[in-house]
N, C-alpha and C. Protein backbone atom coordinates (compact mmCIF):
# COMPACT_ATOMS: atom_id res chain seq x y z
N UNK A 1 36.39 31.51 36.41
CA UNK A 1 35.29 31.90 34.99
C UNK A 1 35.52 32.27 33.53
N UNK A 2 36.71 32.46 33.69
CA UNK A 2 37.98 32.63 32.73
C UNK A 2 38.15 31.97 31.84
N UNK A 3 38.92 30.71 33.29
CA UNK A 3 39.17 29.58 32.58
C UNK A 3 38.58 28.63 32.04
N UNK A 4 36.36 29.29 32.36
CA UNK A 4 35.64 28.39 31.41
C UNK A 4 35.33 28.65 30.22
N UNK A 5 35.13 30.28 30.17
CA UNK A 5 35.00 30.66 28.55
C UNK A 5 35.89 30.60 28.07
N UNK A 6 37.39 30.76 28.08
CA UNK A 6 37.73 30.08 26.82
C UNK A 6 37.87 29.29 26.29
N UNK A 7 37.55 27.93 27.12
CA UNK A 7 37.71 26.49 27.18
C UNK A 7 36.73 26.63 25.62
N UNK A 8 35.12 27.06 26.27
CA UNK A 8 33.77 27.47 25.50
C UNK A 8 34.31 27.71 24.57
N UNK A 9 35.38 28.38 24.62
CA UNK A 9 35.81 30.16 22.94
C UNK A 9 36.63 29.04 22.03
N UNK A 10 37.19 28.01 22.98
CA UNK A 10 38.12 26.85 21.77
C UNK A 10 36.94 25.63 21.34
N UNK A 11 36.31 24.80 22.17
CA UNK A 11 35.69 24.44 21.58
C UNK A 11 34.69 24.69 20.51
N UNK A 12 33.82 25.53 20.39
CA UNK A 12 33.09 26.44 19.42
C UNK A 12 34.38 27.04 17.61
N UNK A 13 35.35 27.20 18.35
CA UNK A 13 36.53 27.63 16.86
C UNK A 13 37.21 26.33 16.68
N UNK A 14 36.88 25.06 17.43
CA UNK A 14 37.02 23.42 17.28
C UNK A 14 35.34 23.32 15.31
N UNK A 15 34.85 23.03 16.83
CA UNK A 15 33.43 23.28 16.14
C UNK A 15 33.27 23.70 15.19
N UNK A 16 33.43 24.85 14.36
CA UNK A 16 33.00 26.09 13.64
C UNK A 16 34.26 25.41 12.25
N UNK A 17 35.65 25.26 12.41
CA UNK A 17 36.08 24.36 11.78
C UNK A 17 35.59 22.56 11.08
N UNK A 18 35.14 22.18 11.85
CA UNK A 18 34.72 20.71 10.98
C UNK A 18 33.24 21.37 10.40
N UNK A 19 32.24 22.43 10.70
CA UNK A 19 31.75 22.93 10.62
C UNK A 19 31.81 23.55 8.69
N UNK A 20 32.98 23.63 9.33
CA UNK A 20 33.80 25.19 7.55
C UNK A 20 34.15 24.12 5.76
N UNK A 21 34.83 23.25 7.54
CA UNK A 21 34.93 21.96 5.45
C UNK A 21 33.68 21.02 5.14
N UNK A 22 32.93 21.17 5.69
CA UNK A 22 31.52 21.14 5.55
C UNK A 22 30.86 21.92 5.15
N UNK A 23 31.28 23.61 5.05
CA UNK A 23 30.69 23.93 3.72
C UNK A 23 31.96 25.11 2.52
N UNK A 24 32.59 24.50 3.44
CA UNK A 24 33.73 24.24 1.60
C UNK A 24 33.17 23.15 0.54
N UNK A 25 33.24 22.70 1.54
CA UNK A 25 32.96 20.79 0.35
C UNK A 25 31.32 21.38 -0.80
N UNK A 26 30.02 22.09 0.23
CA UNK A 26 28.99 22.63 -0.13
C UNK A 26 29.03 23.62 -1.20
N UNK A 27 29.55 24.96 -1.18
CA UNK A 27 29.63 26.16 -1.02
C UNK A 27 31.12 25.81 -3.04
N UNK A 28 31.97 25.12 -2.53
CA UNK A 28 32.54 24.43 -3.80
C UNK A 28 32.22 23.33 -5.07
N UNK A 29 31.16 22.59 -4.21
CA UNK A 29 30.61 22.80 -5.43
C UNK A 29 29.22 22.58 -6.49
N UNK A 30 28.49 23.64 -4.91
CA UNK A 30 27.78 24.98 -5.70
C UNK A 30 28.73 25.78 -7.00
N UNK A 31 29.09 26.28 -6.16
CA UNK A 31 29.64 27.14 -6.93
C UNK A 31 30.38 27.02 -9.25
N UNK A 32 31.05 24.97 -8.78
CA UNK A 32 31.52 24.45 -9.41
C UNK A 32 31.05 23.87 -10.66
N UNK A 33 29.81 23.25 -9.49
CA UNK A 33 28.35 22.41 -10.71
C UNK A 33 27.78 22.90 -10.17
N UNK A 34 26.98 23.71 -10.02
CA UNK A 34 25.13 23.67 -9.53
C UNK A 34 25.31 25.05 -10.50
N UNK A 35 26.02 26.02 -9.32
CA UNK A 35 25.37 26.75 -10.59
C UNK A 35 25.68 26.85 -12.20
N UNK A 36 26.88 25.80 -13.17
CA UNK A 36 26.67 25.82 -13.23
C UNK A 36 24.83 25.17 -14.36
N UNK A 37 25.47 23.84 -13.80
CA UNK A 37 24.05 23.21 -14.05
C UNK A 37 22.88 24.04 -13.80
N UNK A 38 22.53 24.65 -13.06
CA UNK A 38 21.14 25.67 -12.73
C UNK A 38 20.65 26.37 -14.23
N UNK A 39 22.67 27.05 -14.79
CA UNK A 39 22.12 28.01 -15.78
C UNK A 39 22.08 27.19 -17.65
N UNK A 40 22.05 25.85 -17.29
CA UNK A 40 22.42 25.04 -18.51
C UNK A 40 20.31 25.01 -18.72
N UNK A 41 19.76 25.15 -17.62
CA UNK A 41 17.64 25.05 -18.03
C UNK A 41 16.76 25.92 -17.97
N UNK A 42 17.33 27.29 -17.72
CA UNK A 42 17.50 28.70 -18.07
C UNK A 42 17.08 28.33 -19.64
N UNK A 43 17.26 28.17 -20.78
CA UNK A 43 17.01 28.04 -22.11
C UNK A 43 16.57 26.25 -22.39
N UNK A 44 14.92 26.03 -21.54
CA UNK A 44 14.28 24.89 -21.97
C UNK A 44 13.76 24.37 -24.26
N UNK A 45 14.00 22.46 -24.32
CA UNK A 45 14.26 23.40 -25.66
C UNK A 45 12.37 23.37 -25.71
N UNK A 46 11.69 23.60 -26.67
CA UNK A 46 11.42 23.45 -28.27
C UNK A 46 9.73 22.04 -27.87
N UNK A 47 10.79 21.54 -28.25
CA UNK A 47 9.62 20.24 -27.84
C UNK A 47 9.10 19.81 -26.89
N UNK A 48 8.19 18.84 -26.72
CA UNK A 48 7.92 17.93 -25.61
C UNK A 48 8.62 17.30 -25.42
N UNK A 49 9.42 16.95 -25.83
CA UNK A 49 9.75 14.76 -25.98
C UNK A 49 11.37 16.28 -25.53
N UNK A 50 11.41 16.83 -25.20
CA UNK A 50 13.49 17.45 -25.09
C UNK A 50 13.15 18.33 -23.83
N UNK A 51 11.62 19.05 -23.59
CA UNK A 51 11.42 19.53 -22.85
C UNK A 51 11.35 18.26 -21.19
N UNK A 52 10.87 16.93 -21.56
CA UNK A 52 10.79 15.84 -21.12
C UNK A 52 12.00 15.03 -20.13
N UNK A 53 12.50 15.52 -21.39
CA UNK A 53 14.63 15.63 -21.90
C UNK A 53 14.69 16.18 -20.31
N UNK A 54 14.95 16.64 -20.46
CA UNK A 54 15.80 17.87 -20.00
C UNK A 54 14.95 17.74 -17.87
N UNK A 55 13.92 17.98 -18.36
CA UNK A 55 13.10 17.68 -16.56
C UNK A 55 14.19 16.42 -16.56
N UNK A 56 14.03 15.08 -17.00
CA UNK A 56 14.38 13.94 -16.40
C UNK A 56 15.97 13.74 -15.94
N UNK A 57 17.16 15.28 -16.49
CA UNK A 57 18.40 15.23 -16.07
C UNK A 57 17.85 16.63 -15.02
N UNK A 58 16.48 16.75 -15.05
CA UNK A 58 17.26 17.97 -13.76
C UNK A 58 16.50 17.01 -12.94
N UNK A 59 15.63 16.34 -12.56
CA UNK A 59 15.21 15.41 -11.03
C UNK A 59 16.36 15.06 -10.85
N UNK A 60 17.49 14.33 -11.36
CA UNK A 60 18.35 13.54 -11.48
C UNK A 60 19.37 14.31 -10.92
N UNK A 61 19.95 16.36 -11.16
CA UNK A 61 20.08 16.91 -10.63
C UNK A 61 19.90 17.42 -9.39
N UNK A 62 18.36 17.56 -9.25
CA UNK A 62 18.16 18.19 -7.90
C UNK A 62 18.06 16.50 -7.52
N UNK A 63 18.34 16.21 -7.01
CA UNK A 63 18.49 14.53 -5.71
C UNK A 63 19.82 15.07 -5.65
N UNK A 64 20.93 15.33 -6.23
CA UNK A 64 22.10 15.81 -5.18
C UNK A 64 22.08 16.92 -5.47
N UNK A 65 22.18 18.06 -5.75
CA UNK A 65 21.51 19.11 -5.41
C UNK A 65 21.20 19.64 -3.60
N UNK A 66 19.95 19.27 -3.88
CA UNK A 66 19.10 19.22 -2.34
C UNK A 66 20.22 18.68 -1.73
N UNK A 67 20.01 17.52 -1.77
CA UNK A 67 21.30 17.28 -1.03
C UNK A 67 22.59 17.50 -0.23
N UNK A 68 22.98 18.45 -0.92
CA UNK A 68 24.05 19.91 -0.65
C UNK A 68 23.02 20.31 0.45
N UNK A 69 22.19 20.94 -0.52
CA UNK A 69 21.18 21.96 0.43
C UNK A 69 21.20 21.74 1.68
N UNK A 70 20.18 19.93 1.74
CA UNK A 70 20.12 19.41 3.06
C UNK A 70 21.41 19.36 4.08
N UNK A 71 22.88 18.97 3.65
CA UNK A 71 23.84 18.79 4.50
C UNK A 71 24.50 20.89 4.64
N UNK A 72 24.81 21.93 3.76
CA UNK A 72 24.42 22.85 4.02
C UNK A 72 23.75 22.86 5.44
N UNK A 73 22.50 23.27 4.81
CA UNK A 73 21.58 23.53 6.32
C UNK A 73 21.63 22.96 8.01
N UNK A 74 21.52 21.64 7.76
CA UNK A 74 22.20 21.15 9.00
C UNK A 74 23.96 21.49 9.32
N UNK A 75 24.40 21.70 8.58
CA UNK A 75 25.85 22.85 9.85
C UNK A 75 25.66 23.62 10.76
N UNK A 76 24.13 24.60 9.33
CA UNK A 76 24.13 26.33 10.08
C UNK A 76 23.46 25.74 10.50
N UNK A 77 22.76 24.60 11.66
CA UNK A 77 21.78 24.00 12.27
C UNK A 77 22.74 24.06 13.65
N UNK A 78 24.26 23.20 13.55
CA UNK A 78 25.05 22.34 14.06
C UNK A 78 25.60 24.25 15.22
N UNK A 79 25.96 24.68 13.69
CA UNK A 79 25.85 26.28 14.13
C UNK A 79 25.74 27.98 14.57
N UNK A 80 24.31 27.05 15.06
CA UNK A 80 22.98 28.68 16.50
C UNK A 80 23.58 27.90 17.40
N UNK A 81 24.70 28.10 18.45
CA UNK A 81 24.71 28.07 18.63
C UNK A 81 25.78 29.07 19.73
N UNK A 82 26.45 29.62 18.12
CA UNK A 82 27.00 30.47 18.23
C UNK A 82 26.39 32.11 18.75
N UNK A 83 25.05 31.87 18.28
CA UNK A 83 23.88 32.63 18.25
C UNK A 83 24.16 33.59 20.51
N UNK A 84 24.57 31.74 21.56
CA UNK A 84 24.48 32.95 22.71
C UNK A 84 25.89 32.91 22.83
N UNK A 85 26.94 33.20 22.79
CA UNK A 85 28.30 33.34 22.95
C UNK A 85 28.36 34.41 22.38
N UNK A 86 28.93 35.97 23.02
CA UNK A 86 29.20 36.90 22.47
C UNK A 86 30.54 37.97 22.48
N UNK A 87 31.30 36.59 22.23
CA UNK A 87 32.73 36.36 22.06
C UNK A 87 33.04 37.43 21.32
N UNK A 88 33.28 38.43 21.47
CA UNK A 88 34.42 38.91 20.46
C UNK A 88 34.19 38.31 19.20
N UNK A 89 35.98 36.87 20.04
CA UNK A 89 36.78 36.95 19.20
C UNK A 89 35.78 35.97 18.39
N UNK A 90 34.47 35.04 18.64
CA UNK A 90 34.16 34.36 16.82
C UNK A 90 34.21 35.62 15.97
N UNK A 91 33.49 36.92 16.38
CA UNK A 91 32.40 37.38 15.36
C UNK A 91 33.56 36.87 14.50
N UNK A 92 34.62 36.83 14.42
CA UNK A 92 34.96 36.88 12.02
C UNK A 92 34.73 34.88 11.78
N UNK A 93 33.82 34.26 13.41
CA UNK A 93 34.08 33.37 12.54
C UNK A 93 32.03 33.90 12.28
N UNK A 94 32.27 34.60 13.12
CA UNK A 94 29.52 34.02 12.83
C UNK A 94 30.03 35.29 11.35
N UNK A 95 30.91 36.19 10.98
CA UNK A 95 31.49 36.54 9.42
C UNK A 95 30.98 35.21 8.73
N UNK A 96 32.57 34.38 8.21
CA UNK A 96 32.38 33.92 7.22
C UNK A 96 31.30 33.11 7.28
N UNK A 97 30.56 32.31 8.84
CA UNK A 97 29.95 31.15 8.75
C UNK A 97 27.98 32.55 8.43
N UNK A 98 28.09 33.58 7.98
CA UNK A 98 27.32 33.88 7.40
C UNK A 98 26.60 33.55 6.06
N UNK A 99 28.34 34.99 5.26
CA UNK A 99 28.28 34.90 4.97
C UNK A 99 28.57 32.68 3.57
N UNK A 100 28.03 31.43 4.13
CA UNK A 100 28.44 30.86 3.11
C UNK A 100 26.46 29.93 3.81
N UNK A 101 26.30 31.34 4.45
CA UNK A 101 24.88 30.87 4.51
C UNK A 101 24.02 31.47 3.67
N UNK A 102 24.89 33.06 3.64
CA UNK A 102 23.64 33.48 2.70
C UNK A 102 24.29 33.04 0.77
N UNK A 103 25.70 32.10 0.45
CA UNK A 103 25.52 31.81 0.19
C UNK A 103 24.23 30.55 0.06
N UNK A 104 24.39 29.49 0.67
CA UNK A 104 23.93 28.22 0.82
C UNK A 104 22.53 29.18 0.25
N UNK A 105 21.63 29.92 1.49
CA UNK A 105 20.55 30.26 0.70
C UNK A 105 20.56 30.30 -1.04
N UNK A 106 20.89 31.23 -1.41
CA UNK A 106 20.73 31.67 -2.59
C UNK A 106 20.55 30.62 -3.66
N UNK A 107 21.93 30.05 -3.84
CA UNK A 107 21.64 28.86 -4.80
C UNK A 107 19.94 28.13 -3.90
N UNK A 108 20.07 27.47 -3.05
CA UNK A 108 18.79 26.42 -2.21
C UNK A 108 17.64 27.70 -3.05
N UNK A 109 17.21 28.35 -2.77
CA UNK A 109 16.06 28.98 -3.82
C UNK A 109 16.57 29.86 -4.98
N UNK A 110 17.63 29.56 -6.06
CA UNK A 110 17.51 29.06 -7.41
C UNK A 110 17.42 27.85 -6.89
N UNK A 111 17.50 27.40 -7.05
CA UNK A 111 17.27 25.25 -6.79
C UNK A 111 15.80 24.86 -7.24
N UNK A 112 14.91 26.00 -5.90
CA UNK A 112 13.44 25.28 -5.82
C UNK A 112 12.42 26.53 -6.91
N UNK A 113 13.39 27.78 -7.40
CA UNK A 113 12.60 28.80 -8.74
C UNK A 113 12.72 28.17 -10.17
N UNK A 114 14.13 27.00 -9.82
CA UNK A 114 13.87 26.17 -11.75
C UNK A 114 13.28 25.30 -10.85
N UNK A 115 13.45 24.02 -10.04
CA UNK A 115 12.50 23.66 -10.29
C UNK A 115 11.23 23.37 -10.71
N UNK A 116 10.69 24.26 -10.47
CA UNK A 116 9.35 24.87 -10.24
C UNK A 116 9.04 25.51 -11.27
N UNK A 117 9.79 26.12 -11.27
CA UNK A 117 9.33 26.39 -13.87
C UNK A 117 10.10 25.07 -14.66
N UNK A 118 10.80 24.73 -13.86
CA UNK A 118 11.05 23.47 -14.60
C UNK A 118 9.22 22.56 -15.00
N UNK A 119 9.47 22.46 -13.73
CA UNK A 119 7.38 21.36 -13.96
C UNK A 119 6.87 21.75 -14.05
N UNK A 120 6.42 23.43 -14.28
CA UNK A 120 5.56 24.54 -14.95
C UNK A 120 5.33 24.13 -16.38
N UNK A 121 6.47 24.30 -16.30
CA UNK A 121 7.25 23.97 -18.77
C UNK A 121 6.19 22.99 -18.56
N UNK A 122 6.33 21.78 -18.35
CA UNK A 122 6.40 20.45 -18.78
C UNK A 122 5.25 20.95 -19.59
N UNK A 123 3.97 21.09 -17.71
CA UNK A 123 3.07 21.01 -17.68
C UNK A 123 2.19 22.07 -19.07
N UNK A 124 3.20 23.55 -19.11
CA UNK A 124 1.98 24.05 -20.06
C UNK A 124 2.25 23.52 -21.44
N UNK A 125 3.64 22.71 -21.68
CA UNK A 125 3.82 21.80 -22.86
C UNK A 125 2.04 20.91 -23.29
N UNK A 126 3.01 20.03 -22.08
CA UNK A 126 1.85 19.00 -22.06
C UNK A 126 0.28 18.83 -22.63
N UNK A 127 0.19 20.93 -21.75
CA UNK A 127 -1.49 21.04 -21.88
C UNK A 127 -1.34 21.60 -23.37
N UNK A 128 -0.86 21.96 -23.91
CA UNK A 128 -0.85 22.51 -25.53
C UNK A 128 -0.69 21.25 -25.93
N UNK A 129 -0.27 20.50 -26.39
CA UNK A 129 0.26 19.27 -27.12
C UNK A 129 -1.62 18.97 -26.45
N UNK A 130 -1.54 18.82 -25.99
CA UNK A 130 -3.84 18.16 -26.10
C UNK A 130 -4.25 18.80 -26.76
N UNK A 131 -4.08 19.87 -26.58
CA UNK A 131 -4.90 21.13 -26.98
C UNK A 131 -4.13 20.66 -29.05
N UNK A 132 -2.89 21.20 -28.75
CA UNK A 132 -3.18 20.57 -30.48
C UNK A 132 -3.98 19.05 -31.52
N UNK A 133 -2.91 18.84 -30.88
CA UNK A 133 -3.94 16.89 -30.94
C UNK A 133 -5.43 17.31 -31.23
N UNK A 134 -5.81 17.57 -30.25
CA UNK A 134 -7.49 17.90 -30.19
C UNK A 134 -8.05 18.75 -31.11
N UNK A 135 -7.43 19.82 -31.29
CA UNK A 135 -7.80 20.13 -32.78
C UNK A 135 -7.54 19.80 -33.39
N UNK A 136 -6.00 18.68 -33.76
CA UNK A 136 -5.77 17.87 -35.25
C UNK A 136 -7.22 16.94 -35.38
N UNK A 137 -7.39 16.03 -34.50
CA UNK A 137 -8.24 15.40 -34.07
C UNK A 137 -10.15 15.95 -35.05
N UNK A 138 -10.39 17.43 -34.65
CA UNK A 138 -11.59 18.21 -35.12
C UNK A 138 -11.94 17.77 -36.09
N UNK A 139 -10.01 18.81 -36.66
CA UNK A 139 -10.10 19.09 -38.03
C UNK A 139 -10.99 17.62 -38.73
N UNK A 140 -10.43 16.60 -38.47
CA UNK A 140 -10.11 15.50 -39.34
C UNK A 140 -11.58 14.71 -39.41
N UNK A 141 -12.08 15.75 -37.87
CA UNK A 141 -13.11 15.33 -38.19
C UNK A 141 -14.00 16.00 -38.59
N UNK A 142 -14.01 17.10 -39.24
CA UNK A 142 -14.30 17.71 -39.93
C UNK A 142 -14.25 17.54 -41.54
N UNK A 143 -12.71 17.38 -41.88
CA UNK A 143 -13.26 16.89 -43.38
C UNK A 143 -13.87 15.34 -43.67
N UNK A 144 -14.68 14.71 -42.42
CA UNK A 144 -14.78 12.78 -42.95
C UNK A 144 -16.20 13.64 -43.57
């Protein structure tokens, strides 16, 4: 039984190393690219045309960022089996995994919030543009 327990433990460590490589890649991208791009979308332009261009660029970024989030979440799911083991030796791996998971969750949440904010800002600007056009048409009609 002790031998089987030790083999399971080694298998989990080997699995963790594979998952950790995936997480390192995901977290590296988040730190070096993802967070910087999210910060760029904090100040959205004042014209509808520029805002639509920013939305298009964000959508392209969002596709890539969502793929990294998905890969990280899949890696987390693979490691859910760790919850069934109470080995003292794997505690440090669980701590690392939790840290990666927290970083991933924070970024994915920020991505969702930014996606929503960009979409709502575009909708608001489109509404104001329609109102502005309506006022202009009304003013032209009154002047005629």
